[in-house]
Amino acid sequence: MNDYAFSLEMGVRDYECDIQGIVNNSVYQNYLEHARHEFLKTAGIDFKAYALQGINLVVVRAELDYRFPLESGDRFLVGVNLRRESRLKFVFYQDIFRLEDRKPVLNAKITGTALNQRGRPEIPVQLEQFFETREESA
């Protein structure tokens, strides 16, 4: 649980659970997205500012492996790593663990890109610099 570029602790809210009393499968994507946005903020990359400039960071593929269900009141940790996949794609590797017992809850591979004002894939300069900085320090 310590090998992440970024991690975020969160808690399950009652309304996120389905009739079975567990977190609805679609809610996990919200957890993952929130953690990605917080990670980018810590790197000085403002998702909303990009959108206002007509640059949209988008998910093009989401692969989720559900391991164990969370329930109302559970505290959990979302771990995030980011890797450049190609010239136009990047991948967030994310894991969720229940904090109580460090039980693996979910593993995800989220592939994204950036679309410029014309809707064409193009990695913004600030994000490009972020990848270069991370590669130099690795």
Protein backbone atom coordinates (compact mmCIF):
# COMPACT_ATOMS: atom_id res chain seq x y z
CA MET A 1 0.00 0.00 0.00
CA ASN A 2 3.01 2.33 0.04
CA ASP A 3 4.25 2.09 -3.55
CA TYR A 4 2.13 4.90 -4.98
CA ALA A 5 2.95 8.33 -6.32
CA PHE A 6 -0.21 9.53 -4.58
CA SER A 7 -2.80 8.10 -2.22
CA LEU A 8 -6.07 9.39 -0.87
CA GLU A 9 -8.08 8.17 2.09
CA MET A 10 -11.85 8.21 1.72
CA GLY A 11 -14.97 6.75 3.33
CA VAL A 12 -18.09 5.03 2.02
CA ARG A 13 -21.29 7.03 2.41
CA ASP A 14 -24.64 5.29 2.94
CA TYR A 15 -26.17 6.49 -0.32
CA GLU A 16 -23.36 4.89 -2.35
CA CYS A 17 -24.59 1.42 -1.44
CA ASP A 18 -27.11 -0.63 -3.37
CA ILE A 19 -29.91 -2.85 -2.10
CA GLN A 20 -27.36 -5.54 -1.24
CA GLY A 21 -25.71 -3.17 1.25
CA ILE A 22 -22.46 -2.89 -0.69
CA VAL A 23 -20.97 -0.07 -2.76
CA ASN A 24 -22.56 -0.07 -6.21
CA ASN A 25 -20.01 -1.07 -8.85
CA SER A 26 -20.34 2.24 -10.72
CA VAL A 27 -19.46 4.25 -7.60
CA TYR A 28 -15.92 2.88 -7.64
CA GLN A 29 -15.30 4.84 -10.83
CA ASN A 30 -16.21 8.02 -8.91
CA TYR A 31 -13.67 7.13 -6.22
CA LEU A 32 -11.00 6.51 -8.83
CA GLU A 33 -11.76 9.73 -10.71
CA HIS A 34 -11.70 11.83 -7.55
CA ALA A 35 -8.30 10.39 -6.61
CA ARG A 36 -6.94 11.07 -10.13
CA HIS A 37 -8.11 14.69 -9.99
CA GLU A 38 -6.59 15.20 -6.54
CA PHE A 39 -3.32 13.65 -7.73
CA LEU A 40 -3.20 15.98 -10.74
CA LYS A 41 -3.92 18.98 -8.49
CA THR A 42 -0.90 18.12 -6.33
CA ALA A 43 1.17 18.18 -9.53
CA GLY A 44 -0.15 21.64 -10.43
CA ILE A 45 -2.41 20.32 -13.17
CA ASP A 46 -5.88 21.86 -12.84
CA PHE A 47 -8.51 19.74 -14.57
CA LYS A 48 -11.10 22.54 -14.54
CA ALA A 49 -8.65 25.17 -15.83
CA TYR A 50 -7.82 22.88 -18.74
CA ALA A 51 -11.51 22.43 -19.54
CA LEU A 52 -12.03 26.22 -19.52
CA GLN A 53 -9.19 26.46 -22.08
CA GLY A 54 -10.90 23.88 -24.28
CA ILE A 55 -8.45 21.12 -23.35
CA ASN A 56 -10.17 18.01 -22.09
CA LEU A 57 -8.48 15.17 -20.26
CA VAL A 58 -10.57 12.13 -21.11
CA VAL A 59 -10.73 8.45 -20.28
CA VAL A 60 -10.57 6.25 -23.37
CA ARG A 61 -10.52 2.89 -21.59
CA ALA A 62 -11.32 1.68 -18.08
CA GLU A 63 -10.36 -1.79 -16.87
CA LEU A 64 -11.58 -2.62 -13.36
CA ASP A 65 -11.08 -5.83 -11.44
CA TYR A 66 -13.38 -6.01 -8.42
CA ARG A 67 -11.84 -8.03 -5.57
CA PHE A 68 -13.92 -7.38 -2.43
CA PRO A 69 -16.96 -5.18 -1.73
CA LEU A 70 -16.91 -2.12 0.47
CA GLU A 71 -19.83 -1.40 2.81
CA SER A 72 -21.26 1.73 4.37
CA GLY A 73 -18.84 3.29 6.82
CA ASP A 74 -15.76 1.50 5.49
CA ARG A 75 -12.64 3.66 5.26
CA PHE A 76 -10.46 2.98 2.26
CA LEU A 77 -7.34 4.13 0.47
CA VAL A 78 -7.03 4.81 -3.25
CA GLY A 79 -3.46 4.48 -4.53
CA VAL A 80 -2.49 6.16 -7.81
CA ASN A 81 0.43 5.72 -10.17
CA LEU A 82 0.72 7.37 -13.57
CA ARG A 83 2.73 6.20 -16.56
CA ARG A 84 3.13 7.51 -20.08
CA GLU A 85 1.88 4.77 -22.39
CA SER A 86 2.57 6.35 -25.77
CA ARG A 87 2.97 9.76 -27.38
CA LEU A 88 -0.74 10.49 -26.93
CA LYS A 89 -1.84 8.18 -24.09
CA PHE A 90 -1.19 7.88 -20.39
CA VAL A 91 -2.31 5.28 -17.90
CA PHE A 92 -3.35 5.58 -14.28
CA TYR A 93 -2.79 2.40 -12.32
CA GLN A 94 -5.05 2.56 -9.30
CA ASP A 95 -5.81 0.27 -6.40
CA ILE A 96 -8.33 0.49 -3.60
CA PHE A 97 -7.71 -1.12 -0.20
CA ARG A 98 -10.02 -1.30 2.79
CA LEU A 99 -8.07 0.42 5.58
CA GLU A 100 -9.34 -1.73 8.45
CA ASP A 101 -7.47 -4.82 7.26
CA ARG A 102 -5.66 -3.63 4.09
CA LYS A 103 -7.87 -5.97 2.08
CA PRO A 104 -7.56 -5.39 -1.70
CA VAL A 105 -10.88 -4.11 -2.99
CA LEU A 106 -10.23 -3.12 -6.60
CA ASN A 107 -7.46 -2.86 -9.20
CA ALA A 108 -7.87 -0.51 -12.13
CA LYS A 109 -6.06 0.50 -15.28
CA ILE A 110 -7.46 3.77 -16.61
CA THR A 111 -6.16 4.90 -20.01
CA GLY A 112 -6.53 8.55 -20.93
CA THR A 113 -5.54 11.21 -23.39
CA ALA A 114 -6.03 14.93 -23.82
CA LEU A 115 -8.14 16.50 -26.55
CA ASN A 116 -7.31 19.97 -27.80
CA GLN A 117 -9.83 22.68 -28.78
CA ARG A 118 -10.39 20.93 -32.14
CA GLY A 119 -11.15 17.60 -30.42
CA ARG A 120 -7.85 16.08 -31.56
CA PRO A 121 -5.52 14.16 -29.23
CA GLU A 122 -2.71 16.41 -27.99
CA ILE A 123 -0.89 16.33 -24.66
CA PRO A 124 -0.76 19.87 -23.15
CA VAL A 125 2.65 21.39 -22.45
CA GLN A 126 2.19 21.36 -18.67
CA LEU A 127 1.28 17.67 -18.67
CA GLU A 128 4.15 16.92 -21.06
CA GLN A 129 6.54 18.64 -18.64
CA PHE A 130 5.08 16.66 -15.75
CA PHE A 131 5.83 13.38 -17.57
CA GLU A 132 9.37 14.53 -18.42
CA THR A 133 10.05 15.48 -14.78
CA ARG A 134 8.78 12.09 -13.56
CA GLU A 135 10.90 10.22 -16.13
CA GLU A 136 14.04 12.15 -15.11
CA SER A 137 13.53 11.33 -11.43
CA ALA A 138 12.84 7.63 -12.08
